[in-house]
Amino acid sequence: MKHISFDDIEQMEQRVRARLINSLSGFKSANLVATVSEDGHNNLAIISSCFHLGASPALMGMVIRPDSVPRDTLSNIEQMGCYTINHVSADIYRQAHQTSARYAAEVSEFDKVGLSAEFVDGIEAPFVAQSQLKFSLELREVLPLAINGTTLVIGEITSIFVADSALKADGYVDIEALASVAVSGLDSYHQTRRLARLSYAKPDKALVTLPVDGH
């Protein structure tokens, strides 16, 4: 195996180092975070740092990169207090990736990449109409991380929209059936193949393969 030392990492060209370090965490979820500004401009950004934080209350975290340049997603969330997270599927991954381009704040990424903003009564932030699994959140905490200038955003889930066929009896969401994609590194997109659902692990019981439908 190739050994890459601390000194090797420190001496790497910036983009090479970014690609390497971003690849180490493996497959990540690909999500489109949709927001709206106080003056009504819709914004859409692909983010691969969303993660489950707790089920009761239903919390989701995400990490926003340093604000050394304007971060419209973070600004809009702080202004409006709400946002949506929308799964990226195999049908829209190219459009989703294009949202990482640095458009002006008054320009809607929805329009530029060919995705549709969908609004639901009582929720100010738009959804991605093409997404088959999406949910709205209310802002709960914004935590600046001094170690590298990133920001941890924590939201509480307020509404969930999911295709009927993907929601199973025991609460499991079959995201593979929705063709949700994963991302590795900064720019590599993947479709998945489930190996199995497994029973809750206990010291004195053998694992059992569970049916996908939850029955």
N, C-alpha and C. Protein backbone atom coordinates (compact mmCIF):
# COMPACT_ATOMS: atom_id res chain seq x y z
N MET A 1 0.84 -1.20 0.00
CA MET A 1 0.00 0.00 0.00
C MET A 1 0.88 1.25 0.00
N LYS A 2 0.37 2.28 -0.63
CA LYS A 2 1.11 3.54 -0.66
C LYS A 2 0.92 4.27 0.66
N HIS A 3 2.00 4.76 1.24
CA HIS A 3 1.94 5.53 2.48
C HIS A 3 2.03 7.01 2.13
N ILE A 4 1.03 7.78 2.58
CA ILE A 4 1.04 9.23 2.39
C ILE A 4 1.19 9.85 3.77
N SER A 5 2.31 10.49 4.01
CA SER A 5 2.61 11.01 5.34
C SER A 5 1.97 12.38 5.55
N PHE A 6 2.01 12.84 6.80
CA PHE A 6 1.52 14.17 7.13
C PHE A 6 2.24 15.23 6.29
N ASP A 7 3.56 15.09 6.17
CA ASP A 7 4.33 16.04 5.38
C ASP A 7 3.92 16.00 3.91
N ASP A 8 3.65 14.79 3.40
CA ASP A 8 3.18 14.66 2.01
C ASP A 8 1.88 15.43 1.81
N ILE A 9 0.96 15.27 2.75
CA ILE A 9 -0.33 15.95 2.66
C ILE A 9 -0.13 17.47 2.67
N GLU A 10 0.71 17.93 3.58
CA GLU A 10 0.94 19.37 3.72
C GLU A 10 1.54 19.98 2.46
N GLN A 11 2.33 19.20 1.73
CA GLN A 11 3.04 19.73 0.55
C GLN A 11 2.25 19.55 -0.75
N MET A 12 1.09 18.91 -0.71
CA MET A 12 0.30 18.70 -1.92
C MET A 12 -0.26 20.00 -2.47
N GLU A 13 -0.40 20.04 -3.78
CA GLU A 13 -1.11 21.14 -4.40
C GLU A 13 -2.54 21.16 -3.86
N GLN A 14 -3.11 22.35 -3.69
CA GLN A 14 -4.37 22.52 -2.95
C GLN A 14 -5.50 21.65 -3.50
N ARG A 15 -5.69 21.64 -4.81
CA ARG A 15 -6.81 20.89 -5.37
C ARG A 15 -6.59 19.39 -5.27
N VAL A 16 -5.35 18.95 -5.41
CA VAL A 16 -5.06 17.52 -5.25
C VAL A 16 -5.36 17.09 -3.83
N ARG A 17 -4.93 17.89 -2.86
CA ARG A 17 -5.20 17.57 -1.45
C ARG A 17 -6.70 17.55 -1.17
N ALA A 18 -7.43 18.51 -1.73
CA ALA A 18 -8.88 18.56 -1.51
C ALA A 18 -9.55 17.30 -2.05
N ARG A 19 -9.15 16.87 -3.24
CA ARG A 19 -9.75 15.64 -3.81
C ARG A 19 -9.41 14.42 -2.97
N LEU A 20 -8.16 14.34 -2.51
CA LEU A 20 -7.74 13.19 -1.70
C LEU A 20 -8.51 13.13 -0.39
N ILE A 21 -8.51 14.21 0.36
CA ILE A 21 -9.12 14.20 1.69
C ILE A 21 -10.63 14.03 1.59
N ASN A 22 -11.25 14.62 0.58
CA ASN A 22 -12.68 14.46 0.39
C ASN A 22 -13.07 13.03 0.03
N SER A 23 -12.13 12.26 -0.52
CA SER A 23 -12.43 10.89 -0.90
C SER A 23 -12.37 9.92 0.28
N LEU A 24 -11.68 10.29 1.35
CA LEU A 24 -11.38 9.35 2.43
C LEU A 24 -12.61 8.91 3.21
N SER A 25 -13.63 9.74 3.29
CA SER A 25 -14.81 9.39 4.08
C SER A 25 -15.74 8.44 3.34
N GLY A 26 -15.43 8.12 2.08
CA GLY A 26 -16.23 7.16 1.34
C GLY A 26 -17.48 7.78 0.74
N PHE A 27 -18.49 6.92 0.54
CA PHE A 27 -19.73 7.39 -0.09
C PHE A 27 -20.50 8.31 0.85
N LYS A 28 -21.00 9.41 0.29
CA LYS A 28 -21.79 10.39 1.04
C LYS A 28 -23.10 10.61 0.31
N SER A 29 -24.10 11.09 1.04
CA SER A 29 -25.38 11.37 0.40
C SER A 29 -25.25 12.62 -0.46
N ALA A 30 -25.97 12.61 -1.57
CA ALA A 30 -26.01 13.77 -2.45
C ALA A 30 -27.37 14.44 -2.28
N ASN A 31 -27.36 15.67 -1.80
CA ASN A 31 -28.60 16.39 -1.53
C ASN A 31 -28.56 17.78 -2.12
N LEU A 32 -29.71 18.24 -2.54
CA LEU A 32 -29.87 19.63 -2.96
C LEU A 32 -30.56 20.39 -1.83
N VAL A 33 -29.89 21.43 -1.35
CA VAL A 33 -30.46 22.27 -0.30
C VAL A 33 -31.05 23.50 -0.96
N ALA A 34 -32.36 23.69 -0.75
CA ALA A 34 -33.07 24.79 -1.39
C ALA A 34 -33.46 25.83 -0.35
N THR A 35 -33.23 27.09 -0.70
CA THR A 35 -33.53 28.21 0.20
C THR A 35 -34.13 29.36 -0.60
N VAL A 36 -34.64 30.33 0.12
CA VAL A 36 -35.11 31.57 -0.50
C VAL A 36 -34.63 32.73 0.35
N SER A 37 -34.27 33.82 -0.30
CA SER A 37 -33.79 35.01 0.42
C SER A 37 -34.96 35.89 0.83
N GLU A 38 -34.68 36.88 1.67
CA GLU A 38 -35.73 37.80 2.13
C GLU A 38 -36.38 38.54 0.97
N ASP A 39 -35.62 38.78 -0.10
CA ASP A 39 -36.19 39.49 -1.25
C ASP A 39 -36.71 38.55 -2.33
N GLY A 40 -36.87 37.27 -2.00
CA GLY A 40 -37.58 36.35 -2.89
C GLY A 40 -36.75 35.62 -3.92
N HIS A 41 -35.42 35.63 -3.80
CA HIS A 41 -34.57 34.92 -4.76
C HIS A 41 -34.37 33.48 -4.28
N ASN A 42 -34.72 32.53 -5.14
CA ASN A 42 -34.51 31.12 -4.82
C ASN A 42 -33.06 30.72 -5.02
N ASN A 43 -32.58 29.83 -4.18
CA ASN A 43 -31.21 29.35 -4.27
C ASN A 43 -31.20 27.83 -4.14
N LEU A 44 -30.30 27.20 -4.85
CA LEU A 44 -30.20 25.73 -4.82
C LEU A 44 -28.73 25.35 -4.83
N ALA A 45 -28.31 24.49 -3.91
CA ALA A 45 -26.90 24.11 -3.80
C ALA A 45 -26.78 22.63 -3.46
N ILE A 46 -25.88 21.95 -4.16
CA ILE A 46 -25.62 20.55 -3.82
C ILE A 46 -24.68 20.49 -2.61
N ILE A 47 -25.06 19.66 -1.64
CA ILE A 47 -24.28 19.52 -0.41
C ILE A 47 -24.17 18.04 -0.07
N SER A 48 -22.96 17.58 0.21
CA SER A 48 -22.74 16.17 0.52
C SER A 48 -22.41 15.95 1.99
N SER A 49 -22.67 16.95 2.83
CA SER A 49 -22.30 16.86 4.23
C SER A 49 -23.50 16.77 5.16
N CYS A 50 -24.68 16.40 4.64
CA CYS A 50 -25.86 16.26 5.49
C CYS A 50 -25.77 14.96 6.29
N PHE A 51 -26.18 15.00 7.55
CA PHE A 51 -26.11 13.79 8.37
C PHE A 51 -27.19 13.78 9.45
N HIS A 52 -27.64 12.57 9.78
CA HIS A 52 -28.64 12.36 10.83
C HIS A 52 -28.04 12.74 12.18
N LEU A 53 -28.79 13.52 12.95
CA LEU A 53 -28.31 13.97 14.25
C LEU A 53 -29.16 13.43 15.40
N GLY A 54 -30.38 13.05 15.11
CA GLY A 54 -31.26 12.51 16.14
C GLY A 54 -32.67 12.36 15.61
N ALA A 55 -33.43 11.42 16.20
CA ALA A 55 -34.79 11.17 15.73
C ALA A 55 -35.85 11.82 16.61
N SER A 56 -35.53 12.15 17.85
CA SER A 56 -36.51 12.74 18.74
C SER A 56 -35.84 13.79 19.64
N PRO A 57 -35.82 15.05 19.23
CA PRO A 57 -36.45 15.61 18.04
C PRO A 57 -35.74 15.19 16.75
N ALA A 58 -36.45 15.34 15.64
CA ALA A 58 -35.93 14.91 14.34
C ALA A 58 -34.97 15.96 13.80
N LEU A 59 -33.68 15.73 14.01
CA LEU A 59 -32.66 16.73 13.68
C LEU A 59 -31.75 16.25 12.56
N MET A 60 -31.37 17.18 11.72
CA MET A 60 -30.42 16.92 10.64
C MET A 60 -29.34 18.00 10.70
N GLY A 61 -28.09 17.58 10.56
CA GLY A 61 -26.99 18.53 10.52
C GLY A 61 -26.38 18.60 9.14
N MET A 62 -25.71 19.68 8.85
CA MET A 62 -24.92 19.79 7.63
C MET A 62 -23.81 20.80 7.87
N VAL A 63 -22.74 20.62 7.15
CA VAL A 63 -21.58 21.50 7.30
C VAL A 63 -21.46 22.37 6.05
N ILE A 64 -21.38 23.67 6.28
CA ILE A 64 -21.21 24.65 5.19
C ILE A 64 -19.75 25.10 5.19
N ARG A 65 -19.17 25.17 4.02
CA ARG A 65 -17.76 25.55 3.90
C ARG A 65 -17.52 26.98 4.38
N PRO A 66 -16.25 27.35 4.62
CA PRO A 66 -15.95 28.69 5.16
C PRO A 66 -16.57 29.80 4.33
N ASP A 67 -16.97 30.89 5.01
CA ASP A 67 -17.63 32.00 4.31
C ASP A 67 -16.64 33.07 3.87
N SER A 68 -15.47 32.64 3.43
CA SER A 68 -14.50 33.59 2.88
C SER A 68 -15.01 34.17 1.56
N VAL A 69 -15.94 33.45 0.91
CA VAL A 69 -16.68 33.98 -0.23
C VAL A 69 -18.16 33.91 0.16
N PRO A 70 -19.04 34.65 -0.54
CA PRO A 70 -20.46 34.64 -0.16
C PRO A 70 -21.04 33.22 -0.18
N ARG A 71 -21.79 32.86 0.86
CA ARG A 71 -22.47 31.57 0.95
C ARG A 71 -23.97 31.86 1.01
N ASP A 72 -24.62 31.89 -0.15
CA ASP A 72 -26.02 32.28 -0.21
C ASP A 72 -26.90 31.31 0.57
N THR A 73 -26.56 30.02 0.54
CA THR A 73 -27.36 29.04 1.28
C THR A 73 -27.39 29.38 2.76
N LEU A 74 -26.23 29.60 3.35
CA LEU A 74 -26.16 29.91 4.77
C LEU A 74 -26.85 31.23 5.08
N SER A 75 -26.61 32.24 4.26
CA SER A 75 -27.23 33.55 4.49
C SER A 75 -28.75 33.45 4.47
N ASN A 76 -29.28 32.71 3.49
CA ASN A 76 -30.73 32.57 3.37
C ASN A 76 -31.32 31.81 4.56
N ILE A 77 -30.64 30.77 4.99
CA ILE A 77 -31.12 30.00 6.14
C ILE A 77 -31.15 30.88 7.39
N GLU A 78 -30.11 31.67 7.57
CA GLU A 78 -30.07 32.55 8.75
C GLU A 78 -31.14 33.63 8.67
N GLN A 79 -31.40 34.14 7.46
CA GLN A 79 -32.41 35.18 7.28
C GLN A 79 -33.83 34.66 7.50
N MET A 80 -34.12 33.50 6.88
CA MET A 80 -35.49 33.02 6.83
C MET A 80 -35.82 31.95 7.87
N GLY A 81 -34.79 31.25 8.36
CA GLY A 81 -35.02 30.24 9.38
C GLY A 81 -35.58 28.93 8.88
N CYS A 82 -35.63 28.75 7.56
CA CYS A 82 -36.15 27.49 7.02
C CYS A 82 -35.42 27.14 5.72
N TYR A 83 -35.47 25.85 5.37
CA TYR A 83 -34.84 25.37 4.15
C TYR A 83 -35.36 23.97 3.87
N THR A 84 -35.06 23.45 2.68
CA THR A 84 -35.45 22.08 2.36
C THR A 84 -34.23 21.29 1.90
N ILE A 85 -34.28 19.98 2.13
CA ILE A 85 -33.25 19.06 1.66
C ILE A 85 -33.93 18.08 0.71
N ASN A 86 -33.35 17.91 -0.47
CA ASN A 86 -33.95 17.13 -1.55
C ASN A 86 -32.95 16.11 -2.07
N HIS A 87 -33.33 14.82 -2.05
CA HIS A 87 -32.44 13.78 -2.56
C HIS A 87 -32.15 13.99 -4.04
N VAL A 88 -30.91 13.71 -4.42
CA VAL A 88 -30.52 13.71 -5.83
C VAL A 88 -30.67 12.30 -6.36
N SER A 89 -31.38 12.14 -7.46
CA SER A 89 -31.55 10.83 -8.09
C SER A 89 -30.71 10.75 -9.35
N ALA A 90 -30.66 9.54 -9.91
CA ALA A 90 -29.87 9.32 -11.12
C ALA A 90 -30.36 10.17 -12.29
N ASP A 91 -31.62 10.58 -12.26
CA ASP A 91 -32.17 11.37 -13.36
C ASP A 91 -31.68 12.82 -13.36
N ILE A 92 -31.23 13.30 -12.22
CA ILE A 92 -30.93 14.74 -12.13
C ILE A 92 -29.53 15.03 -11.58
N TYR A 93 -28.65 14.03 -11.53
CA TYR A 93 -27.35 14.27 -10.88
C TYR A 93 -26.51 15.30 -11.63
N ARG A 94 -26.62 15.36 -12.96
CA ARG A 94 -25.82 16.34 -13.70
C ARG A 94 -26.30 17.77 -13.41
N GLN A 95 -27.62 17.94 -13.38
CA GLN A 95 -28.15 19.27 -13.03
C GLN A 95 -27.77 19.63 -11.60
N ALA A 96 -27.83 18.63 -10.71
CA ALA A 96 -27.48 18.88 -9.31
C ALA A 96 -26.03 19.33 -9.18
N HIS A 97 -25.13 18.66 -9.89
CA HIS A 97 -23.71 19.03 -9.81
C HIS A 97 -23.48 20.45 -10.30
N GLN A 98 -24.22 20.86 -11.32
CA GLN A 98 -24.03 22.19 -11.88
C GLN A 98 -24.38 23.29 -10.88
N THR A 99 -25.19 22.98 -9.86
CA THR A 99 -25.51 24.01 -8.86
C THR A 99 -24.31 24.41 -8.03
N SER A 100 -23.22 23.64 -8.10
CA SER A 100 -22.00 24.01 -7.37
C SER A 100 -21.27 25.17 -8.03
N ALA A 101 -21.68 25.55 -9.25
CA ALA A 101 -21.09 26.73 -9.90
C ALA A 101 -21.47 27.97 -9.11
N ARG A 102 -20.62 28.99 -9.16
CA ARG A 102 -20.80 30.18 -8.34
C ARG A 102 -21.64 31.22 -9.08
N TYR A 103 -22.96 31.08 -8.98
CA TYR A 103 -23.86 32.05 -9.59
C TYR A 103 -24.06 33.24 -8.65
N ALA A 104 -24.45 34.37 -9.22
CA ALA A 104 -24.75 35.55 -8.41
C ALA A 104 -25.96 35.29 -7.52
N ALA A 105 -26.04 36.00 -6.41
CA ALA A 105 -27.08 35.77 -5.42
C ALA A 105 -28.48 35.95 -6.00
N GLU A 106 -28.62 36.87 -6.95
CA GLU A 106 -29.94 37.13 -7.52
C GLU A 106 -30.32 36.16 -8.64
N VAL A 107 -29.43 35.24 -8.98
CA VAL A 107 -29.68 34.27 -10.04
C VAL A 107 -30.17 32.96 -9.42
N SER A 108 -31.26 32.42 -9.94
CA SER A 108 -31.81 31.16 -9.42
C SER A 108 -31.14 29.97 -10.09
N GLU A 109 -30.50 29.13 -9.29
CA GLU A 109 -29.91 27.90 -9.84
C GLU A 109 -30.97 26.98 -10.43
N PHE A 110 -32.19 27.04 -9.90
CA PHE A 110 -33.28 26.26 -10.49
C PHE A 110 -33.38 26.55 -11.98
N ASP A 111 -33.42 27.84 -12.31
CA ASP A 111 -33.56 28.24 -13.71
C ASP A 111 -32.34 27.87 -14.54
N LYS A 112 -31.15 28.06 -13.97
CA LYS A 112 -29.93 27.86 -14.72
C LYS A 112 -29.66 26.39 -15.05
N VAL A 113 -30.07 25.49 -14.15
CA VAL A 113 -29.73 24.07 -14.37
C VAL A 113 -30.91 23.25 -14.88
N GLY A 114 -32.09 23.84 -14.96
CA GLY A 114 -33.24 23.14 -15.51
C GLY A 114 -34.02 22.30 -14.52
N LEU A 115 -34.03 22.70 -13.25
CA LEU A 115 -34.85 22.04 -12.24
C LEU A 115 -36.00 22.97 -11.85
N SER A 116 -37.06 22.39 -11.28
CA SER A 116 -38.27 23.16 -11.00
C SER A 116 -38.45 23.39 -9.51
N ALA A 117 -38.71 24.63 -9.13
CA ALA A 117 -39.02 24.96 -7.75
C ALA A 117 -40.49 24.64 -7.48
N GLU A 118 -40.73 23.96 -6.38
CA GLU A 118 -42.09 23.56 -5.99
C GLU A 118 -42.37 24.11 -4.59
N PHE A 119 -43.51 24.78 -4.45
CA PHE A 119 -43.84 25.38 -3.16
C PHE A 119 -45.04 24.68 -2.54
N VAL A 120 -45.00 24.55 -1.22
CA VAL A 120 -46.06 23.92 -0.44
C VAL A 120 -46.57 24.94 0.56
N ASP A 121 -47.88 25.03 0.70
CA ASP A 121 -48.48 25.99 1.63
C ASP A 121 -47.89 25.83 3.03
N GLY A 122 -47.52 26.95 3.63
CA GLY A 122 -47.00 26.95 4.98
C GLY A 122 -45.49 26.76 5.08
N ILE A 123 -44.83 26.50 3.93
CA ILE A 123 -43.37 26.31 3.91
C ILE A 123 -42.79 27.34 2.96
N GLU A 124 -41.98 28.24 3.48
CA GLU A 124 -41.48 29.35 2.66
C GLU A 124 -40.42 28.91 1.66
N ALA A 125 -39.57 27.96 2.03
CA ALA A 125 -38.50 27.54 1.14
C ALA A 125 -39.05 26.60 0.05
N PRO A 126 -38.48 26.64 -1.14
CA PRO A 126 -38.95 25.76 -2.21
C PRO A 126 -38.41 24.35 -2.06
N PHE A 127 -39.10 23.40 -2.68
CA PHE A 127 -38.61 22.04 -2.86
C PHE A 127 -38.16 21.88 -4.31
N VAL A 128 -37.43 20.79 -4.58
CA VAL A 128 -37.10 20.41 -5.97
C VAL A 128 -38.20 19.48 -6.46
N ALA A 129 -38.95 19.90 -7.44
CA ALA A 129 -40.09 19.12 -7.90
C ALA A 129 -39.69 17.73 -8.36
N GLN A 130 -38.51 17.60 -8.96
CA GLN A 130 -38.07 16.32 -9.51
C GLN A 130 -37.59 15.33 -8.46
N SER A 131 -37.38 15.76 -7.23
CA SER A 131 -36.87 14.89 -6.19
C SER A 131 -37.99 14.02 -5.63
N GLN A 132 -37.69 12.73 -5.39
CA GLN A 132 -38.69 11.78 -4.89
C GLN A 132 -38.64 11.61 -3.37
N LEU A 133 -37.69 12.23 -2.71
CA LEU A 133 -37.60 12.23 -1.25
C LEU A 133 -37.08 13.59 -0.82
N LYS A 134 -37.89 14.34 -0.10
CA LYS A 134 -37.53 15.70 0.25
C LYS A 134 -38.21 16.06 1.56
N PHE A 135 -37.60 16.98 2.29
CA PHE A 135 -38.16 17.36 3.58
C PHE A 135 -37.78 18.80 3.91
N SER A 136 -38.65 19.44 4.69
CA SER A 136 -38.41 20.82 5.10
C SER A 136 -37.87 20.83 6.52
N LEU A 137 -37.11 21.88 6.84
CA LEU A 137 -36.51 22.00 8.16
C LEU A 137 -36.63 23.43 8.66
N GLU A 138 -36.74 23.57 9.97
CA GLU A 138 -36.62 24.87 10.63
C GLU A 138 -35.27 24.94 11.32
N LEU A 139 -34.62 26.07 11.19
CA LEU A 139 -33.29 26.26 11.77
C LEU A 139 -33.36 26.19 13.29
N ARG A 140 -32.44 25.43 13.87
CA ARG A 140 -32.36 25.33 15.33
C ARG A 140 -31.05 25.90 15.87
N GLU A 141 -29.93 25.63 15.22
CA GLU A 141 -28.64 26.16 15.68
C GLU A 141 -27.70 26.38 14.51
N VAL A 142 -26.90 27.42 14.60
CA VAL A 142 -25.78 27.67 13.68
C VAL A 142 -24.53 27.74 14.54
N LEU A 143 -23.60 26.82 14.31
CA LEU A 143 -22.42 26.73 15.16
C LEU A 143 -21.16 26.93 14.31
N PRO A 144 -20.53 28.08 14.40
CA PRO A 144 -19.25 28.29 13.70
C PRO A 144 -18.18 27.38 14.32
N LEU A 145 -17.41 26.72 13.48
CA LEU A 145 -16.35 25.82 13.95
C LEU A 145 -15.01 26.52 13.79
N ALA A 146 -14.40 26.87 14.92
CA ALA A 146 -13.18 27.67 14.90
C ALA A 146 -12.02 26.94 14.24
N ILE A 147 -12.03 25.61 14.27
CA ILE A 147 -10.88 24.85 13.80
C ILE A 147 -10.57 25.08 12.33
N ASN A 148 -11.62 25.31 11.50
CA ASN A 148 -11.33 25.52 10.07
C ASN A 148 -12.27 26.51 9.39
N GLY A 149 -13.08 27.21 10.16
CA GLY A 149 -13.94 28.24 9.58
C GLY A 149 -15.21 27.73 8.95
N THR A 150 -15.49 26.43 9.06
CA THR A 150 -16.75 25.91 8.55
C THR A 150 -17.87 26.21 9.54
N THR A 151 -19.10 25.96 9.11
CA THR A 151 -20.27 26.22 9.95
C THR A 151 -21.15 24.99 10.00
N LEU A 152 -21.51 24.58 11.21
CA LEU A 152 -22.44 23.47 11.39
C LEU A 152 -23.85 24.05 11.53
N VAL A 153 -24.73 23.62 10.64
CA VAL A 153 -26.12 24.07 10.65
C VAL A 153 -26.99 22.90 11.11
N ILE A 154 -27.82 23.12 12.12
CA ILE A 154 -28.70 22.08 12.64
C ILE A 154 -30.14 22.52 12.44
N GLY A 155 -30.92 21.66 11.79
CA GLY A 155 -32.33 21.95 11.55
C GLY A 155 -33.22 20.84 12.07
N GLU A 156 -34.46 21.19 12.39
CA GLU A 156 -35.45 20.20 12.81
C GLU A 156 -36.42 19.94 11.66
N ILE A 157 -36.63 18.68 11.34
CA ILE A 157 -37.47 18.30 10.22
C ILE A 157 -38.93 18.58 10.57
N THR A 158 -39.64 19.27 9.66
CA THR A 158 -41.03 19.66 9.91
C THR A 158 -42.01 18.97 8.97
N SER A 159 -41.59 18.61 7.77
CA SER A 159 -42.46 17.90 6.82
C SER A 159 -41.60 17.01 5.94
N ILE A 160 -42.15 15.85 5.59
CA ILE A 160 -41.45 14.89 4.73
C ILE A 160 -42.36 14.52 3.57
N PHE A 161 -41.80 14.48 2.38
CA PHE A 161 -42.53 14.03 1.19
C PHE A 161 -41.73 12.91 0.54
N VAL A 162 -42.35 11.74 0.39
CA VAL A 162 -41.65 10.58 -0.14
C VAL A 162 -42.61 9.77 -1.00
N ALA A 163 -42.09 9.21 -2.08
CA ALA A 163 -42.92 8.36 -2.94
C ALA A 163 -43.50 7.20 -2.13
N ASP A 164 -44.81 6.93 -2.29
CA ASP A 164 -45.50 5.89 -1.52
C ASP A 164 -44.79 4.56 -1.57
N SER A 165 -44.31 4.19 -2.75
CA SER A 165 -43.73 2.87 -2.94
C SER A 165 -42.43 2.67 -2.16
N ALA A 166 -41.78 3.75 -1.75
CA ALA A 166 -40.49 3.64 -1.07
C ALA A 166 -40.61 3.58 0.45
N LEU A 167 -41.77 3.94 0.99
CA LEU A 167 -41.95 3.96 2.44
C LEU A 167 -42.50 2.61 2.91
N LYS A 168 -41.74 1.91 3.73
CA LYS A 168 -42.10 0.56 4.16
C LYS A 168 -42.84 0.58 5.50
N ALA A 169 -43.43 -0.56 5.85
CA ALA A 169 -44.31 -0.65 7.02
C ALA A 169 -43.61 -0.31 8.32
N ASP A 170 -42.31 -0.60 8.41
CA ASP A 170 -41.59 -0.36 9.67
C ASP A 170 -40.87 0.99 9.69
N GLY A 171 -41.18 1.86 8.74
CA GLY A 171 -40.58 3.19 8.70
C GLY A 171 -39.36 3.31 7.81
N TYR A 172 -38.84 2.19 7.34
CA TYR A 172 -37.67 2.19 6.47
C TYR A 172 -38.01 2.83 5.13
N VAL A 173 -37.14 3.70 4.65
CA VAL A 173 -37.30 4.31 3.33
C VAL A 173 -36.31 3.65 2.39
N ASP A 174 -36.81 3.04 1.35
CA ASP A 174 -35.97 2.33 0.38
C ASP A 174 -35.44 3.35 -0.63
N ILE A 175 -34.35 4.01 -0.26
CA ILE A 175 -33.82 5.06 -1.14
C ILE A 175 -33.24 4.49 -2.43
N GLU A 176 -32.89 3.21 -2.41
CA GLU A 176 -32.41 2.59 -3.65
C GLU A 176 -33.52 2.51 -4.69
N ALA A 177 -34.74 2.26 -4.22
CA ALA A 177 -35.89 2.21 -5.13
C ALA A 177 -36.17 3.57 -5.76
N LEU A 178 -35.73 4.63 -5.08
CA LEU A 178 -35.90 5.98 -5.60
C LEU A 178 -34.76 6.41 -6.52
N ALA A 179 -33.77 5.52 -6.68
CA ALA A 179 -32.58 5.81 -7.49
C ALA A 179 -31.78 6.97 -6.93
N SER A 180 -31.83 7.16 -5.59
CA SER A 180 -30.99 8.19 -4.97
C SER A 180 -29.53 7.83 -5.19
N VAL A 181 -28.71 8.84 -5.45
CA VAL A 181 -27.31 8.59 -5.75
C VAL A 181 -26.43 8.99 -4.57
N ALA A 182 -25.23 8.42 -4.57
CA ALA A 182 -24.20 8.78 -3.60
C ALA A 182 -23.10 9.53 -4.32
N VAL A 183 -22.31 10.27 -3.56
CA VAL A 183 -21.18 10.99 -4.14
C VAL A 183 -19.92 10.62 -3.35
N SER A 184 -18.82 10.47 -4.06
CA SER A 184 -17.53 10.28 -3.40
C SER A 184 -16.58 11.35 -3.89
N GLY A 185 -15.69 11.76 -3.00
CA GLY A 185 -14.80 12.86 -3.36
C GLY A 185 -15.62 14.12 -3.63
N LEU A 186 -15.17 14.89 -4.60
CA LEU A 186 -15.84 16.13 -4.95
C LEU A 186 -16.74 16.02 -6.17
N ASP A 187 -16.56 14.96 -6.96
CA ASP A 187 -17.20 15.00 -8.28
C ASP A 187 -17.57 13.64 -8.87
N SER A 188 -17.59 12.58 -8.03
CA SER A 188 -17.88 11.24 -8.55
C SER A 188 -19.23 10.78 -8.01
N TYR A 189 -20.14 10.42 -8.92
CA TYR A 189 -21.51 10.04 -8.55
C TYR A 189 -21.72 8.54 -8.77
N HIS A 190 -22.51 7.93 -7.87
CA HIS A 190 -22.64 6.48 -7.85
C HIS A 190 -24.08 6.06 -7.61
N GLN A 191 -24.48 4.97 -8.28
CA GLN A 191 -25.70 4.28 -7.92
C GLN A 191 -25.35 3.11 -7.02
N THR A 192 -26.29 2.73 -6.14
CA THR A 192 -25.99 1.73 -5.14
C THR A 192 -26.70 0.41 -5.41
N ARG A 193 -26.23 -0.65 -4.76
CA ARG A 193 -26.89 -1.96 -4.81
C ARG A 193 -26.91 -2.51 -3.39
N ARG A 194 -28.11 -2.69 -2.84
CA ARG A 194 -28.24 -3.14 -1.47
C ARG A 194 -27.73 -4.58 -1.32
N LEU A 195 -26.97 -4.82 -0.25
CA LEU A 195 -26.54 -6.18 0.08
C LEU A 195 -27.62 -6.87 0.92
N ALA A 196 -28.11 -6.20 1.96
CA ALA A 196 -29.15 -6.78 2.81
C ALA A 196 -29.58 -5.76 3.84
N ARG A 197 -30.79 -5.96 4.40
CA ARG A 197 -31.18 -5.33 5.66
C ARG A 197 -30.94 -6.36 6.75
N LEU A 198 -30.35 -5.94 7.86
CA LEU A 198 -30.02 -6.87 8.93
C LEU A 198 -30.78 -6.52 10.21
N SER A 199 -31.02 -7.53 11.03
CA SER A 199 -31.72 -7.35 12.29
C SER A 199 -30.88 -6.54 13.27
N TYR A 200 -31.54 -6.02 14.31
CA TYR A 200 -30.87 -5.28 15.37
C TYR A 200 -29.84 -6.19 16.04
N ALA A 201 -28.62 -5.70 16.15
CA ALA A 201 -27.53 -6.54 16.67
C ALA A 201 -27.61 -6.67 18.19
N LYS A 202 -27.57 -7.93 18.68
CA LYS A 202 -27.54 -8.21 20.11
C LYS A 202 -26.43 -9.22 20.38
N PRO A 203 -25.80 -9.16 21.57
CA PRO A 203 -24.67 -10.05 21.85
C PRO A 203 -25.01 -11.53 21.78
N ASP A 204 -26.26 -11.90 22.13
CA ASP A 204 -26.60 -13.32 22.25
C ASP A 204 -27.50 -13.83 21.13
N LYS A 205 -27.63 -13.06 20.05
CA LYS A 205 -28.49 -13.50 18.95
C LYS A 205 -27.76 -13.36 17.63
N ALA A 206 -28.01 -14.35 16.75
CA ALA A 206 -27.41 -14.29 15.42
C ALA A 206 -28.17 -13.26 14.57
N LEU A 207 -27.46 -12.64 13.68
CA LEU A 207 -28.10 -11.68 12.78
C LEU A 207 -29.06 -12.41 11.84
N VAL A 208 -30.16 -11.73 11.54
CA VAL A 208 -31.17 -12.25 10.63
C VAL A 208 -31.33 -11.26 9.49
N THR A 209 -31.44 -11.77 8.28
CA THR A 209 -31.71 -10.90 7.13
C THR A 209 -33.17 -10.51 7.12
N LEU A 210 -33.44 -9.22 7.06
CA LEU A 210 -34.79 -8.71 7.12
C LEU A 210 -35.36 -8.51 5.71
N PRO A 211 -36.66 -8.67 5.56
CA PRO A 211 -37.28 -8.33 4.27
C PRO A 211 -37.26 -6.83 4.06
N VAL A 212 -37.14 -6.42 2.84
CA VAL A 212 -37.05 -4.99 2.54
C VAL A 212 -38.33 -4.27 2.91
N ASP A 213 -39.48 -4.95 2.79
CA ASP A 213 -40.77 -4.27 3.02
C ASP A 213 -41.09 -4.09 4.50
N GLY A 214 -40.27 -4.62 5.40
CA GLY A 214 -40.47 -4.40 6.81
C GLY A 214 -41.45 -5.34 7.48
N HIS A 215 -42.05 -6.25 6.76
CA HIS A 215 -43.00 -7.21 7.36
C HIS A 215 -42.27 -8.43 7.88
